[in-house]
Amino acid sequence: MSKVLVNIPEEYLQAVDEAAQEQHRTRSELIREAIRKIYYRPRRTPEEQARIEKVGRRIDRLRGEWKEPFDSSKIIREMRDSR
């Protein structure tokens, strides 16, 4: 495995160190995983990407139409009470 010297802002390093400590991992493991997730994820076709973006626009539109705070407990209660 190769070694690399990289300059990063101090706040990034602090965030990496905190995450590594919380997850009981090394700094190197965390950085390797981040690189894997960015560069080795499955690639989407243009059609898949277009569908994802279309769904995102629909979600944004619906979010804009929602007038009251979302309360999942209230919705579940209403569904149970309607039985």
N, C-alpha and C. Protein backbone atom coordinates (compact mmCIF):
# COMPACT_ATOMS: atom_id res chain seq x y z
N MET A 1 0.85 -1.16 0.00
CA MET A 1 0.00 0.00 0.00
C MET A 1 0.91 1.24 0.00
N SER A 2 0.53 2.23 -0.79
CA SER A 2 1.32 3.46 -0.88
C SER A 2 0.97 4.42 0.24
N LYS A 3 1.92 5.27 0.56
CA LYS A 3 1.70 6.34 1.54
C LYS A 3 1.67 7.65 0.79
N VAL A 4 0.80 8.58 1.25
CA VAL A 4 0.64 9.87 0.59
C VAL A 4 0.62 10.96 1.66
N LEU A 5 1.30 12.03 1.38
CA LEU A 5 1.27 13.20 2.27
C LEU A 5 0.29 14.20 1.67
N VAL A 6 -0.72 14.57 2.45
CA VAL A 6 -1.77 15.46 1.95
C VAL A 6 -1.94 16.62 2.92
N ASN A 7 -2.08 17.81 2.40
CA ASN A 7 -2.37 18.99 3.22
C ASN A 7 -3.87 19.22 3.21
N ILE A 8 -4.46 19.27 4.41
CA ILE A 8 -5.90 19.56 4.52
C ILE A 8 -6.10 20.56 5.65
N PRO A 9 -7.19 21.31 5.59
CA PRO A 9 -7.47 22.27 6.65
C PRO A 9 -7.61 21.58 8.01
N GLU A 10 -7.22 22.27 9.04
CA GLU A 10 -7.25 21.72 10.39
C GLU A 10 -8.65 21.25 10.79
N GLU A 11 -9.69 22.01 10.42
CA GLU A 11 -11.05 21.61 10.82
C GLU A 11 -11.47 20.30 10.15
N TYR A 12 -10.97 20.03 8.93
CA TYR A 12 -11.27 18.76 8.27
C TYR A 12 -10.61 17.62 9.05
N LEU A 13 -9.37 17.83 9.43
CA LEU A 13 -8.64 16.81 10.16
C LEU A 13 -9.31 16.52 11.51
N GLN A 14 -9.77 17.57 12.18
CA GLN A 14 -10.48 17.38 13.45
C GLN A 14 -11.75 16.55 13.24
N ALA A 15 -12.48 16.85 12.17
CA ALA A 15 -13.71 16.10 11.89
C ALA A 15 -13.40 14.63 11.60
N VAL A 16 -12.35 14.39 10.84
CA VAL A 16 -11.95 13.01 10.53
C VAL A 16 -11.53 12.29 11.81
N ASP A 17 -10.74 12.93 12.63
CA ASP A 17 -10.29 12.31 13.87
C ASP A 17 -11.45 12.00 14.81
N GLU A 18 -12.41 12.92 14.90
CA GLU A 18 -13.58 12.68 15.76
C GLU A 18 -14.40 11.50 15.24
N ALA A 19 -14.63 11.47 13.93
CA ALA A 19 -15.39 10.36 13.36
C ALA A 19 -14.65 9.04 13.55
N ALA A 20 -13.36 9.04 13.34
CA ALA A 20 -12.57 7.82 13.51
C ALA A 20 -12.65 7.32 14.95
N GLN A 21 -12.56 8.23 15.90
CA GLN A 21 -12.63 7.85 17.30
C GLN A 21 -14.01 7.29 17.64
N GLU A 22 -15.06 7.95 17.17
CA GLU A 22 -16.43 7.48 17.43
C GLU A 22 -16.66 6.09 16.85
N GLN A 23 -16.05 5.83 15.70
CA GLN A 23 -16.27 4.55 15.01
C GLN A 23 -15.21 3.51 15.33
N HIS A 24 -14.28 3.86 16.24
CA HIS A 24 -13.20 2.94 16.65
C HIS A 24 -12.41 2.46 15.43
N ARG A 25 -12.01 3.44 14.59
CA ARG A 25 -11.26 3.14 13.38
C ARG A 25 -10.06 4.09 13.31
N THR A 26 -9.17 3.78 12.41
CA THR A 26 -8.04 4.69 12.22
C THR A 26 -8.42 5.79 11.23
N ARG A 27 -7.66 6.84 11.28
CA ARG A 27 -7.83 7.95 10.34
C ARG A 27 -7.69 7.42 8.91
N SER A 28 -6.71 6.58 8.69
CA SER A 28 -6.47 6.04 7.34
C SER A 28 -7.65 5.22 6.84
N GLU A 29 -8.22 4.40 7.71
CA GLU A 29 -9.38 3.60 7.31
C GLU A 29 -10.54 4.49 6.88
N LEU A 30 -10.77 5.53 7.65
CA LEU A 30 -11.87 6.45 7.34
C LEU A 30 -11.66 7.14 6.00
N ILE A 31 -10.45 7.61 5.76
CA ILE A 31 -10.15 8.30 4.50
C ILE A 31 -10.23 7.34 3.33
N ARG A 32 -9.74 6.10 3.49
CA ARG A 32 -9.84 5.11 2.41
C ARG A 32 -11.30 4.83 2.06
N GLU A 33 -12.14 4.71 3.09
CA GLU A 33 -13.55 4.45 2.83
C GLU A 33 -14.20 5.63 2.09
N ALA A 34 -13.87 6.84 2.49
CA ALA A 34 -14.43 8.02 1.80
C ALA A 34 -14.05 8.02 0.33
N ILE A 35 -12.80 7.69 0.05
CA ILE A 35 -12.34 7.64 -1.35
C ILE A 35 -13.08 6.54 -2.11
N ARG A 36 -13.23 5.37 -1.48
CA ARG A 36 -13.97 4.27 -2.13
C ARG A 36 -15.39 4.70 -2.45
N LYS A 37 -16.05 5.36 -1.52
CA LYS A 37 -17.45 5.76 -1.73
C LYS A 37 -17.58 6.78 -2.85
N ILE A 38 -16.60 7.64 -3.01
CA ILE A 38 -16.66 8.65 -4.06
C ILE A 38 -16.32 8.06 -5.42
N TYR A 39 -15.25 7.31 -5.51
CA TYR A 39 -14.74 6.89 -6.81
C TYR A 39 -15.13 5.49 -7.25
N TYR A 40 -15.59 4.67 -6.35
CA TYR A 40 -15.91 3.30 -6.72
C TYR A 40 -17.37 2.96 -6.54
N ARG A 41 -18.21 3.98 -6.53
CA ARG A 41 -19.64 3.72 -6.46
C ARG A 41 -20.15 3.37 -7.86
N PRO A 42 -21.26 2.66 -7.93
CA PRO A 42 -21.81 2.32 -9.25
C PRO A 42 -22.13 3.60 -10.03
N ARG A 43 -21.80 3.59 -11.29
CA ARG A 43 -22.07 4.74 -12.15
C ARG A 43 -23.50 4.65 -12.68
N ARG A 44 -24.18 5.78 -12.73
CA ARG A 44 -25.54 5.82 -13.25
C ARG A 44 -25.53 6.14 -14.74
N THR A 45 -26.51 5.56 -15.43
CA THR A 45 -26.67 5.93 -16.83
C THR A 45 -27.32 7.30 -16.88
N PRO A 46 -27.23 8.00 -18.00
CA PRO A 46 -27.91 9.30 -18.11
C PRO A 46 -29.42 9.19 -17.86
N GLU A 47 -30.02 8.07 -18.28
CA GLU A 47 -31.46 7.88 -18.06
C GLU A 47 -31.77 7.75 -16.57
N GLU A 48 -30.94 6.97 -15.86
CA GLU A 48 -31.14 6.83 -14.41
C GLU A 48 -30.98 8.17 -13.71
N GLN A 49 -29.96 8.91 -14.09
CA GLN A 49 -29.72 10.22 -13.47
C GLN A 49 -30.89 11.16 -13.74
N ALA A 50 -31.44 11.13 -14.95
CA ALA A 50 -32.59 11.97 -15.29
C ALA A 50 -33.80 11.61 -14.43
N ARG A 51 -34.04 10.30 -14.23
CA ARG A 51 -35.17 9.87 -13.39
C ARG A 51 -34.97 10.33 -11.94
N ILE A 52 -33.77 10.21 -11.43
CA ILE A 52 -33.48 10.64 -10.06
C ILE A 52 -33.72 12.14 -9.92
N GLU A 53 -33.26 12.91 -10.88
CA GLU A 53 -33.45 14.36 -10.83
C GLU A 53 -34.93 14.72 -10.93
N LYS A 54 -35.68 13.98 -11.74
CA LYS A 54 -37.12 14.21 -11.87
C LYS A 54 -37.83 13.97 -10.53
N VAL A 55 -37.47 12.88 -9.86
CA VAL A 55 -38.06 12.58 -8.55
C VAL A 55 -37.68 13.68 -7.55
N GLY A 56 -36.44 14.13 -7.59
CA GLY A 56 -36.01 15.21 -6.70
C GLY A 56 -36.83 16.47 -6.90
N ARG A 57 -37.11 16.80 -8.17
CA ARG A 57 -37.94 17.99 -8.45
C ARG A 57 -39.35 17.80 -7.93
N ARG A 58 -39.90 16.59 -8.06
CA ARG A 58 -41.24 16.32 -7.53
C ARG A 58 -41.28 16.48 -6.00
N ILE A 59 -40.26 15.94 -5.35
CA ILE A 59 -40.18 16.05 -3.89
C ILE A 59 -40.10 17.52 -3.48
N ASP A 60 -39.27 18.30 -4.18
CA ASP A 60 -39.16 19.73 -3.88
C ASP A 60 -40.50 20.43 -4.05
N ARG A 61 -41.23 20.08 -5.12
CA ARG A 61 -42.54 20.69 -5.37
C ARG A 61 -43.52 20.33 -4.25
N LEU A 62 -43.56 19.06 -3.87
CA LEU A 62 -44.46 18.63 -2.80
C LEU A 62 -44.10 19.28 -1.47
N ARG A 63 -42.81 19.42 -1.22
CA ARG A 63 -42.35 20.05 0.01
C ARG A 63 -42.86 21.49 0.06
N GLY A 64 -42.86 22.16 -1.08
CA GLY A 64 -43.34 23.53 -1.15
C GLY A 64 -44.84 23.63 -0.96
N GLU A 65 -45.58 22.59 -1.32
CA GLU A 65 -47.03 22.58 -1.17
C GLU A 65 -47.48 22.24 0.25
N TRP A 66 -46.61 21.62 1.04
CA TRP A 66 -46.97 21.20 2.40
C TRP A 66 -47.06 22.42 3.28
N LYS A 67 -48.21 22.66 3.90
CA LYS A 67 -48.45 23.90 4.63
C LYS A 67 -48.22 23.80 6.14
N GLU A 68 -48.29 22.61 6.70
CA GLU A 68 -48.15 22.48 8.15
C GLU A 68 -46.94 21.61 8.48
N PRO A 69 -46.46 21.69 9.71
CA PRO A 69 -45.32 20.85 10.10
C PRO A 69 -45.70 19.37 9.98
N PHE A 70 -44.78 18.56 9.52
CA PHE A 70 -45.03 17.13 9.33
C PHE A 70 -44.95 16.41 10.66
N ASP A 71 -46.01 15.71 11.01
CA ASP A 71 -46.06 14.97 12.26
C ASP A 71 -46.47 13.53 11.94
N SER A 72 -45.50 12.64 11.84
CA SER A 72 -45.79 11.26 11.47
C SER A 72 -46.67 10.57 12.52
N SER A 73 -46.50 10.92 13.78
CA SER A 73 -47.32 10.31 14.84
C SER A 73 -48.80 10.63 14.63
N LYS A 74 -49.08 11.87 14.25
CA LYS A 74 -50.46 12.29 14.00
C LYS A 74 -51.06 11.48 12.85
N ILE A 75 -50.31 11.30 11.79
CA ILE A 75 -50.79 10.55 10.63
C ILE A 75 -51.05 9.10 11.01
N ILE A 76 -50.14 8.50 11.78
CA ILE A 76 -50.33 7.11 12.20
C ILE A 76 -51.57 6.98 13.09
N ARG A 77 -51.76 7.94 14.03
CA ARG A 77 -52.95 7.91 14.89
C ARG A 77 -54.22 7.99 14.05
N GLU A 78 -54.23 8.90 13.08
CA GLU A 78 -55.41 9.05 12.22
C GLU A 78 -55.70 7.77 11.44
N MET A 79 -54.63 7.11 10.96
CA MET A 79 -54.83 5.86 10.22
C MET A 79 -55.39 4.79 11.14
N ARG A 80 -54.87 4.70 12.37
CA ARG A 80 -55.37 3.68 13.31
C ARG A 80 -56.80 3.96 13.71
N ASP A 81 -57.11 5.25 13.93
CA ASP A 81 -58.47 5.61 14.36
C ASP A 81 -59.49 5.39 13.26
N SER A 82 -59.06 5.39 12.01
CA SER A 82 -60.01 5.23 10.91
C SER A 82 -60.36 3.76 10.65
N ARG A 83 -59.73 2.85 11.33
CA ARG A 83 -60.01 1.42 11.11
C ARG A 83 -61.31 1.00 11.72
